[in-house]
Amino acid sequence: MNDSRKHELLELYKLHAELADRVSQRREGANRLFVSLLVGLNLFLGIVVRIESNQVSLSIVLLFAGIIGVVLSGTWYVVIRSYRQLNTGKFHVLHELEKELAFAFFTEEWTYLESGESPSRYWKLTIVETWLPIIFCFLSFVLAVIGLFRLL
């Protein structure tokens, strides 16, 4: 392989690695957004419960807050999965590019981490990340059920 081709591959590799990092940064931003929305929803709910106005039925507020929480949590879960799939594709391409380079940095790292298959070696971040929307979804569902039963 000539030097021009090697330089071109290295530049493509660096660009693709940067793009993969940007996807991770966007995922982090999305996580912050959903946490902020769910915390805001819970703060709103706390204020409504504290005030307990006669104009608004607490049961209806609980029901709708629970439904909104379930929808936000479900959406968040899908976003995390989508970012995981996108990064999986990006790293697949990086691994292919590394076959042409002198050292396969990401491939070696992934081999050392046993491809994320051994939790004692490495827990895949997106697997850990998905627990938070699942927990929020469960709590929101319980809230909606409480609101529904209070209405009945």
N, C-alpha and C. Protein backbone atom coordinates (compact mmCIF):
# COMPACT_ATOMS: atom_id res chain seq x y z
N MET A 1 0.86 -1.18 0.00
CA MET A 1 0.00 0.00 0.00
C MET A 1 0.90 1.24 0.00
N ASN A 2 0.60 2.19 -0.87
CA ASN A 2 1.45 3.37 -0.96
C ASN A 2 1.15 4.35 0.17
N ASP A 3 2.06 5.30 0.36
CA ASP A 3 1.95 6.26 1.46
C ASP A 3 0.71 7.13 1.35
N SER A 4 0.34 7.49 0.14
CA SER A 4 -0.84 8.31 -0.07
C SER A 4 -2.10 7.59 0.41
N ARG A 5 -2.20 6.31 0.09
CA ARG A 5 -3.35 5.50 0.51
C ARG A 5 -3.37 5.34 2.03
N LYS A 6 -2.20 5.10 2.63
CA LYS A 6 -2.11 4.97 4.09
C LYS A 6 -2.55 6.26 4.78
N HIS A 7 -2.10 7.39 4.26
CA HIS A 7 -2.48 8.69 4.83
C HIS A 7 -3.99 8.91 4.71
N GLU A 8 -4.54 8.56 3.55
CA GLU A 8 -5.99 8.71 3.34
C GLU A 8 -6.77 7.84 4.32
N LEU A 9 -6.35 6.59 4.51
CA LEU A 9 -7.02 5.70 5.45
C LEU A 9 -6.92 6.21 6.88
N LEU A 10 -5.75 6.71 7.25
CA LEU A 10 -5.57 7.25 8.59
C LEU A 10 -6.48 8.45 8.83
N GLU A 11 -6.60 9.33 7.84
CA GLU A 11 -7.48 10.49 7.97
C GLU A 11 -8.94 10.06 8.07
N LEU A 12 -9.34 9.08 7.27
CA LEU A 12 -10.70 8.55 7.36
C LEU A 12 -10.95 7.93 8.74
N TYR A 13 -9.97 7.21 9.23
CA TYR A 13 -10.07 6.57 10.54
C TYR A 13 -10.25 7.62 11.64
N LYS A 14 -9.42 8.67 11.60
CA LYS A 14 -9.52 9.73 12.61
C LYS A 14 -10.87 10.42 12.54
N LEU A 15 -11.34 10.69 11.33
CA LEU A 15 -12.64 11.34 11.16
C LEU A 15 -13.76 10.45 11.70
N HIS A 16 -13.71 9.18 11.36
CA HIS A 16 -14.76 8.26 11.81
C HIS A 16 -14.73 8.08 13.33
N ALA A 17 -13.54 8.04 13.92
CA ALA A 17 -13.43 7.94 15.38
C ALA A 17 -14.03 9.18 16.03
N GLU A 18 -13.80 10.34 15.45
CA GLU A 18 -14.37 11.59 15.96
C GLU A 18 -15.90 11.57 15.86
N LEU A 19 -16.41 11.07 14.75
CA LEU A 19 -17.86 10.97 14.57
C LEU A 19 -18.48 10.01 15.59
N ALA A 20 -17.80 8.92 15.88
CA ALA A 20 -18.29 7.98 16.89
C ALA A 20 -18.32 8.65 18.26
N ASP A 21 -17.32 9.45 18.55
CA ASP A 21 -17.28 10.18 19.82
C ASP A 21 -18.43 11.19 19.89
N ARG A 22 -18.73 11.84 18.80
CA ARG A 22 -19.84 12.80 18.77
C ARG A 22 -21.18 12.13 19.02
N VAL A 23 -21.35 10.93 18.52
CA VAL A 23 -22.58 10.18 18.78
C VAL A 23 -22.71 9.94 20.28
N SER A 24 -21.61 9.58 20.92
CA SER A 24 -21.63 9.36 22.37
C SER A 24 -21.97 10.65 23.11
N GLN A 25 -21.45 11.77 22.64
CA GLN A 25 -21.76 13.06 23.26
C GLN A 25 -23.23 13.41 23.09
N ARG A 26 -23.79 13.13 21.91
CA ARG A 26 -25.21 13.39 21.68
C ARG A 26 -26.06 12.50 22.58
N ARG A 27 -25.64 11.26 22.76
CA ARG A 27 -26.37 10.34 23.64
C ARG A 27 -26.37 10.88 25.06
N GLU A 28 -25.23 11.38 25.50
CA GLU A 28 -25.13 11.96 26.84
C GLU A 28 -26.07 13.15 26.98
N GLY A 29 -26.13 13.99 25.94
CA GLY A 29 -27.04 15.14 25.96
C GLY A 29 -28.49 14.70 26.01
N ALA A 30 -28.83 13.65 25.27
CA ALA A 30 -30.20 13.13 25.30
C ALA A 30 -30.54 12.59 26.69
N ASN A 31 -29.58 11.90 27.31
CA ASN A 31 -29.81 11.40 28.67
C ASN A 31 -30.08 12.54 29.64
N ARG A 32 -29.31 13.61 29.52
CA ARG A 32 -29.53 14.78 30.39
C ARG A 32 -30.91 15.38 30.17
N LEU A 33 -31.33 15.45 28.89
CA LEU A 33 -32.65 16.00 28.57
C LEU A 33 -33.75 15.18 29.23
N PHE A 34 -33.71 13.87 29.07
CA PHE A 34 -34.77 13.03 29.63
C PHE A 34 -34.75 13.04 31.16
N VAL A 35 -33.58 13.04 31.76
CA VAL A 35 -33.51 13.13 33.23
C VAL A 35 -34.12 14.44 33.68
N SER A 36 -33.79 15.53 33.00
CA SER A 36 -34.34 16.85 33.36
C SER A 36 -35.86 16.87 33.22
N LEU A 37 -36.38 16.31 32.13
CA LEU A 37 -37.83 16.28 31.92
C LEU A 37 -38.53 15.46 33.00
N LEU A 38 -37.98 14.30 33.33
CA LEU A 38 -38.61 13.44 34.33
C LEU A 38 -38.49 14.03 35.74
N VAL A 39 -37.36 14.65 36.05
CA VAL A 39 -37.22 15.30 37.35
C VAL A 39 -38.18 16.49 37.43
N GLY A 40 -38.28 17.26 36.33
CA GLY A 40 -39.22 18.38 36.29
C GLY A 40 -40.66 17.92 36.48
N LEU A 41 -41.02 16.82 35.84
CA LEU A 41 -42.36 16.25 36.00
C LEU A 41 -42.61 15.88 37.46
N ASN A 42 -41.62 15.27 38.09
CA ASN A 42 -41.77 14.88 39.50
C ASN A 42 -41.81 16.09 40.43
N LEU A 43 -41.06 17.14 40.11
CA LEU A 43 -41.15 18.37 40.91
C LEU A 43 -42.53 18.99 40.78
N PHE A 44 -43.04 19.04 39.55
CA PHE A 44 -44.39 19.55 39.32
C PHE A 44 -45.40 18.75 40.12
N LEU A 45 -45.27 17.42 40.07
CA LEU A 45 -46.17 16.55 40.80
C LEU A 45 -46.09 16.82 42.30
N GLY A 46 -44.88 16.99 42.79
CA GLY A 46 -44.69 17.28 44.22
C GLY A 46 -45.35 18.57 44.63
N ILE A 47 -45.27 19.59 43.77
CA ILE A 47 -45.90 20.88 44.06
C ILE A 47 -47.42 20.73 44.06
N VAL A 48 -47.96 20.02 43.08
CA VAL A 48 -49.41 19.82 43.01
C VAL A 48 -49.91 19.05 44.22
N VAL A 49 -49.19 18.01 44.62
CA VAL A 49 -49.58 17.21 45.79
C VAL A 49 -49.54 18.08 47.03
N ARG A 50 -48.54 18.93 47.13
CA ARG A 50 -48.38 19.80 48.30
C ARG A 50 -49.51 20.82 48.38
N ILE A 51 -49.87 21.39 47.23
CA ILE A 51 -50.93 22.40 47.20
C ILE A 51 -52.30 21.74 47.35
N GLU A 52 -52.50 20.63 46.66
CA GLU A 52 -53.74 19.86 46.66
C GLU A 52 -54.96 20.78 46.54
N SER A 53 -55.02 21.44 45.42
CA SER A 53 -56.11 22.35 45.13
C SER A 53 -57.41 21.58 44.91
N ASN A 54 -58.51 22.17 45.29
CA ASN A 54 -59.82 21.56 45.07
C ASN A 54 -60.23 21.66 43.61
N GLN A 55 -59.58 22.55 42.85
CA GLN A 55 -59.93 22.75 41.46
C GLN A 55 -59.45 21.60 40.58
N VAL A 56 -58.37 20.96 40.98
CA VAL A 56 -57.80 19.88 40.19
C VAL A 56 -57.80 18.61 41.03
N SER A 57 -58.34 17.57 40.47
CA SER A 57 -58.38 16.29 41.17
C SER A 57 -56.97 15.70 41.23
N LEU A 58 -56.52 15.38 42.42
CA LEU A 58 -55.20 14.78 42.60
C LEU A 58 -55.10 13.46 41.85
N SER A 59 -56.18 12.72 41.80
CA SER A 59 -56.19 11.44 41.09
C SER A 59 -55.90 11.63 39.61
N ILE A 60 -56.50 12.64 39.00
CA ILE A 60 -56.28 12.92 37.58
C ILE A 60 -54.84 13.36 37.35
N VAL A 61 -54.31 14.18 38.25
CA VAL A 61 -52.92 14.63 38.13
C VAL A 61 -51.97 13.43 38.22
N LEU A 62 -52.22 12.54 39.17
CA LEU A 62 -51.38 11.35 39.32
C LEU A 62 -51.46 10.48 38.07
N LEU A 63 -52.67 10.29 37.55
CA LEU A 63 -52.85 9.47 36.35
C LEU A 63 -52.09 10.05 35.17
N PHE A 64 -52.29 11.34 34.91
CA PHE A 64 -51.62 11.95 33.75
C PHE A 64 -50.12 12.07 33.93
N ALA A 65 -49.67 12.36 35.14
CA ALA A 65 -48.22 12.41 35.40
C ALA A 65 -47.61 11.03 35.18
N GLY A 66 -48.32 9.99 35.60
CA GLY A 66 -47.83 8.63 35.39
C GLY A 66 -47.76 8.28 33.92
N ILE A 67 -48.81 8.65 33.16
CA ILE A 67 -48.82 8.36 31.72
C ILE A 67 -47.69 9.12 31.02
N ILE A 68 -47.54 10.39 31.35
CA ILE A 68 -46.46 11.19 30.74
C ILE A 68 -45.10 10.59 31.10
N GLY A 69 -44.94 10.16 32.34
CA GLY A 69 -43.68 9.54 32.77
C GLY A 69 -43.38 8.25 32.02
N VAL A 70 -44.41 7.44 31.79
CA VAL A 70 -44.23 6.18 31.05
C VAL A 70 -43.83 6.49 29.61
N VAL A 71 -44.51 7.47 29.00
CA VAL A 71 -44.19 7.82 27.61
C VAL A 71 -42.77 8.37 27.50
N LEU A 72 -42.39 9.27 28.41
CA LEU A 72 -41.02 9.82 28.39
C LEU A 72 -39.99 8.72 28.61
N SER A 73 -40.25 7.84 29.55
CA SER A 73 -39.31 6.75 29.85
C SER A 73 -39.16 5.80 28.66
N GLY A 74 -40.29 5.47 28.04
CA GLY A 74 -40.25 4.59 26.87
C GLY A 74 -39.49 5.23 25.72
N THR A 75 -39.73 6.50 25.50
CA THR A 75 -39.02 7.23 24.45
C THR A 75 -37.53 7.27 24.74
N TRP A 76 -37.18 7.53 25.98
CA TRP A 76 -35.78 7.58 26.39
C TRP A 76 -35.10 6.24 26.13
N TYR A 77 -35.78 5.15 26.48
CA TYR A 77 -35.23 3.82 26.26
C TYR A 77 -34.96 3.59 24.77
N VAL A 78 -35.90 3.97 23.92
CA VAL A 78 -35.74 3.81 22.47
C VAL A 78 -34.56 4.64 21.97
N VAL A 79 -34.41 5.86 22.48
CA VAL A 79 -33.30 6.73 22.07
C VAL A 79 -31.97 6.09 22.44
N ILE A 80 -31.87 5.56 23.65
CA ILE A 80 -30.63 4.89 24.08
C ILE A 80 -30.32 3.72 23.16
N ARG A 81 -31.32 2.91 22.86
CA ARG A 81 -31.11 1.75 21.97
C ARG A 81 -30.68 2.20 20.58
N SER A 82 -31.28 3.28 20.08
CA SER A 82 -30.92 3.79 18.75
C SER A 82 -29.47 4.26 18.72
N TYR A 83 -29.06 4.99 19.75
CA TYR A 83 -27.66 5.43 19.81
C TYR A 83 -26.72 4.24 19.92
N ARG A 84 -27.13 3.21 20.65
CA ARG A 84 -26.31 2.01 20.76
C ARG A 84 -26.13 1.36 19.39
N GLN A 85 -27.22 1.25 18.63
CA GLN A 85 -27.15 0.65 17.31
C GLN A 85 -26.28 1.48 16.37
N LEU A 86 -26.42 2.80 16.46
CA LEU A 86 -25.61 3.69 15.62
C LEU A 86 -24.12 3.54 15.94
N ASN A 87 -23.79 3.53 17.23
CA ASN A 87 -22.38 3.37 17.61
C ASN A 87 -21.85 1.99 17.25
N THR A 88 -22.69 0.96 17.34
CA THR A 88 -22.26 -0.38 16.94
C THR A 88 -21.84 -0.37 15.47
N GLY A 89 -22.64 0.28 14.64
CA GLY A 89 -22.29 0.40 13.21
C GLY A 89 -21.02 1.18 13.00
N LYS A 90 -20.87 2.28 13.72
CA LYS A 90 -19.66 3.10 13.56
C LYS A 90 -18.42 2.32 13.97
N PHE A 91 -18.51 1.57 15.06
CA PHE A 91 -17.34 0.81 15.49
C PHE A 91 -17.07 -0.38 14.57
N HIS A 92 -18.10 -0.91 13.95
CA HIS A 92 -17.87 -1.96 12.95
C HIS A 92 -17.02 -1.41 11.81
N VAL A 93 -17.36 -0.22 11.35
CA VAL A 93 -16.60 0.41 10.27
C VAL A 93 -15.18 0.73 10.74
N LEU A 94 -15.03 1.21 11.97
CA LEU A 94 -13.68 1.49 12.51
C LEU A 94 -12.84 0.21 12.55
N HIS A 95 -13.44 -0.88 12.95
CA HIS A 95 -12.71 -2.16 13.00
C HIS A 95 -12.27 -2.58 11.59
N GLU A 96 -13.13 -2.33 10.61
CA GLU A 96 -12.76 -2.65 9.23
C GLU A 96 -11.61 -1.77 8.75
N LEU A 97 -11.65 -0.48 9.08
CA LEU A 97 -10.55 0.42 8.70
C LEU A 97 -9.25 0.00 9.38
N GLU A 98 -9.34 -0.47 10.61
CA GLU A 98 -8.14 -0.85 11.35
C GLU A 98 -7.39 -2.01 10.71
N LYS A 99 -8.08 -2.80 9.93
CA LYS A 99 -7.41 -3.92 9.25
C LYS A 99 -6.33 -3.43 8.29
N GLU A 100 -6.45 -2.19 7.86
CA GLU A 100 -5.49 -1.61 6.92
C GLU A 100 -4.42 -0.77 7.62
N LEU A 101 -4.56 -0.57 8.93
CA LEU A 101 -3.62 0.27 9.67
C LEU A 101 -2.59 -0.57 10.42
N ALA A 102 -1.56 0.09 10.90
CA ALA A 102 -0.47 -0.61 11.58
C ALA A 102 -0.91 -1.21 12.91
N PHE A 103 -1.83 -0.54 13.61
CA PHE A 103 -2.29 -1.05 14.91
C PHE A 103 -3.80 -0.87 14.99
N ALA A 104 -4.48 -1.92 15.39
CA ALA A 104 -5.94 -1.91 15.50
C ALA A 104 -6.34 -1.57 16.92
N PHE A 105 -6.30 -0.29 17.25
CA PHE A 105 -6.53 0.19 18.62
C PHE A 105 -7.88 -0.26 19.17
N PHE A 106 -8.97 0.06 18.50
CA PHE A 106 -10.30 -0.27 19.01
C PHE A 106 -10.54 -1.78 19.02
N THR A 107 -10.05 -2.47 18.02
CA THR A 107 -10.20 -3.92 17.97
C THR A 107 -9.48 -4.56 19.15
N GLU A 108 -8.27 -4.11 19.44
CA GLU A 108 -7.51 -4.65 20.57
C GLU A 108 -8.20 -4.34 21.90
N GLU A 109 -8.70 -3.13 22.02
CA GLU A 109 -9.40 -2.74 23.24
C GLU A 109 -10.65 -3.62 23.43
N TRP A 110 -11.41 -3.82 22.38
CA TRP A 110 -12.63 -4.62 22.45
C TRP A 110 -12.31 -6.08 22.75
N THR A 111 -11.19 -6.57 22.21
CA THR A 111 -10.76 -7.94 22.51
C THR A 111 -10.40 -8.05 23.99
N TYR A 112 -9.66 -7.07 24.50
CA TYR A 112 -9.29 -7.07 25.91
C TYR A 112 -10.53 -7.04 26.80
N LEU A 113 -11.54 -6.30 26.39
CA LEU A 113 -12.78 -6.18 27.17
C LEU A 113 -13.74 -7.34 26.91
N GLU A 114 -13.29 -8.34 26.17
CA GLU A 114 -14.06 -9.54 25.85
C GLU A 114 -15.40 -9.19 25.19
N SER A 115 -15.38 -8.19 24.34
CA SER A 115 -16.55 -7.73 23.57
C SER A 115 -17.74 -7.39 24.45
N GLY A 116 -17.48 -7.06 25.70
CA GLY A 116 -18.56 -6.71 26.62
C GLY A 116 -19.39 -7.89 27.07
N GLU A 117 -18.92 -9.11 26.79
CA GLU A 117 -19.68 -10.31 27.13
C GLU A 117 -19.45 -10.74 28.58
N SER A 118 -18.37 -10.27 29.20
CA SER A 118 -18.07 -10.65 30.58
C SER A 118 -18.21 -9.43 31.49
N PRO A 119 -19.30 -9.38 32.30
CA PRO A 119 -19.49 -8.23 33.18
C PRO A 119 -18.36 -8.01 34.18
N SER A 120 -17.60 -9.07 34.48
CA SER A 120 -16.47 -8.88 35.39
C SER A 120 -15.36 -8.08 34.72
N ARG A 121 -15.34 -8.05 33.39
CA ARG A 121 -14.32 -7.32 32.64
C ARG A 121 -14.83 -5.94 32.23
N TYR A 122 -16.08 -5.89 31.77
CA TYR A 122 -16.63 -4.62 31.29
C TYR A 122 -18.15 -4.73 31.17
N TRP A 123 -18.84 -3.75 31.73
CA TRP A 123 -20.28 -3.65 31.55
C TRP A 123 -20.54 -2.64 30.45
N LYS A 124 -21.25 -3.06 29.43
CA LYS A 124 -21.57 -2.14 28.34
C LYS A 124 -22.38 -0.97 28.91
N LEU A 125 -21.94 0.23 28.59
CA LEU A 125 -22.57 1.42 29.15
C LEU A 125 -24.04 1.51 28.78
N THR A 126 -24.38 1.18 27.55
CA THR A 126 -25.79 1.30 27.16
C THR A 126 -26.68 0.31 27.91
N ILE A 127 -26.11 -0.82 28.34
CA ILE A 127 -26.89 -1.77 29.14
C ILE A 127 -27.17 -1.14 30.50
N VAL A 128 -26.15 -0.53 31.10
CA VAL A 128 -26.31 0.14 32.38
C VAL A 128 -27.27 1.33 32.23
N GLU A 129 -27.11 2.08 31.14
CA GLU A 129 -27.96 3.26 30.90
C GLU A 129 -29.44 2.92 30.81
N THR A 130 -29.75 1.77 30.26
CA THR A 130 -31.16 1.44 30.06
C THR A 130 -31.90 1.16 31.37
N TRP A 131 -31.18 0.93 32.45
CA TRP A 131 -31.86 0.68 33.72
C TRP A 131 -32.60 1.90 34.22
N LEU A 132 -32.05 3.08 34.03
CA LEU A 132 -32.69 4.29 34.55
C LEU A 132 -34.05 4.54 33.91
N PRO A 133 -34.20 4.52 32.58
CA PRO A 133 -35.56 4.69 32.03
C PRO A 133 -36.51 3.55 32.42
N ILE A 134 -35.98 2.35 32.62
CA ILE A 134 -36.83 1.24 33.05
C ILE A 134 -37.37 1.51 34.46
N ILE A 135 -36.50 1.99 35.34
CA ILE A 135 -36.92 2.32 36.71
C ILE A 135 -37.94 3.46 36.70
N PHE A 136 -37.65 4.53 35.93
CA PHE A 136 -38.60 5.64 35.83
C PHE A 136 -39.93 5.17 35.25
N CYS A 137 -39.89 4.29 34.27
CA CYS A 137 -41.11 3.77 33.65
C CYS A 137 -41.93 3.00 34.68
N PHE A 138 -41.29 2.15 35.44
CA PHE A 138 -41.98 1.37 36.45
C PHE A 138 -42.63 2.29 37.48
N LEU A 139 -41.88 3.26 37.99
CA LEU A 139 -42.42 4.18 39.00
C LEU A 139 -43.57 5.01 38.42
N SER A 140 -43.44 5.43 37.18
CA SER A 140 -44.50 6.20 36.53
C SER A 140 -45.75 5.35 36.33
N PHE A 141 -45.54 4.09 35.98
CA PHE A 141 -46.67 3.17 35.81
C PHE A 141 -47.41 3.00 37.14
N VAL A 142 -46.67 2.83 38.23
CA VAL A 142 -47.27 2.70 39.55
C VAL A 142 -48.06 3.96 39.88
N LEU A 143 -47.50 5.10 39.57
CA LEU A 143 -48.18 6.38 39.80
C LEU A 143 -49.49 6.45 39.02
N ALA A 144 -49.46 6.04 37.75
CA ALA A 144 -50.67 6.06 36.93
C ALA A 144 -51.73 5.10 37.50
N VAL A 145 -51.29 3.93 37.95
CA VAL A 145 -52.23 2.96 38.53
C VAL A 145 -52.86 3.51 39.80
N ILE A 146 -52.05 4.15 40.63
CA ILE A 146 -52.59 4.76 41.87
C ILE A 146 -53.62 5.82 41.50
N GLY A 147 -53.29 6.67 40.53
CA GLY A 147 -54.24 7.70 40.09
C GLY A 147 -55.53 7.09 39.55
N LEU A 148 -55.41 6.01 38.78
CA LEU A 148 -56.58 5.35 38.21
C LEU A 148 -57.46 4.74 39.30
N PHE A 149 -56.83 4.06 40.27
CA PHE A 149 -57.60 3.45 41.33
C PHE A 149 -58.26 4.49 42.24
N ARG A 150 -57.63 5.63 42.39
CA ARG A 150 -58.24 6.71 43.19
C ARG A 150 -59.47 7.27 42.49
N LEU A 151 -59.47 7.21 41.15
CA LEU A 151 -60.63 7.70 40.39
C LEU A 151 -61.82 6.76 40.49
N LEU A 152 -61.52 5.47 40.66
CA LEU A 152 -62.60 4.47 40.67
C LEU A 152 -63.31 4.38 41.98
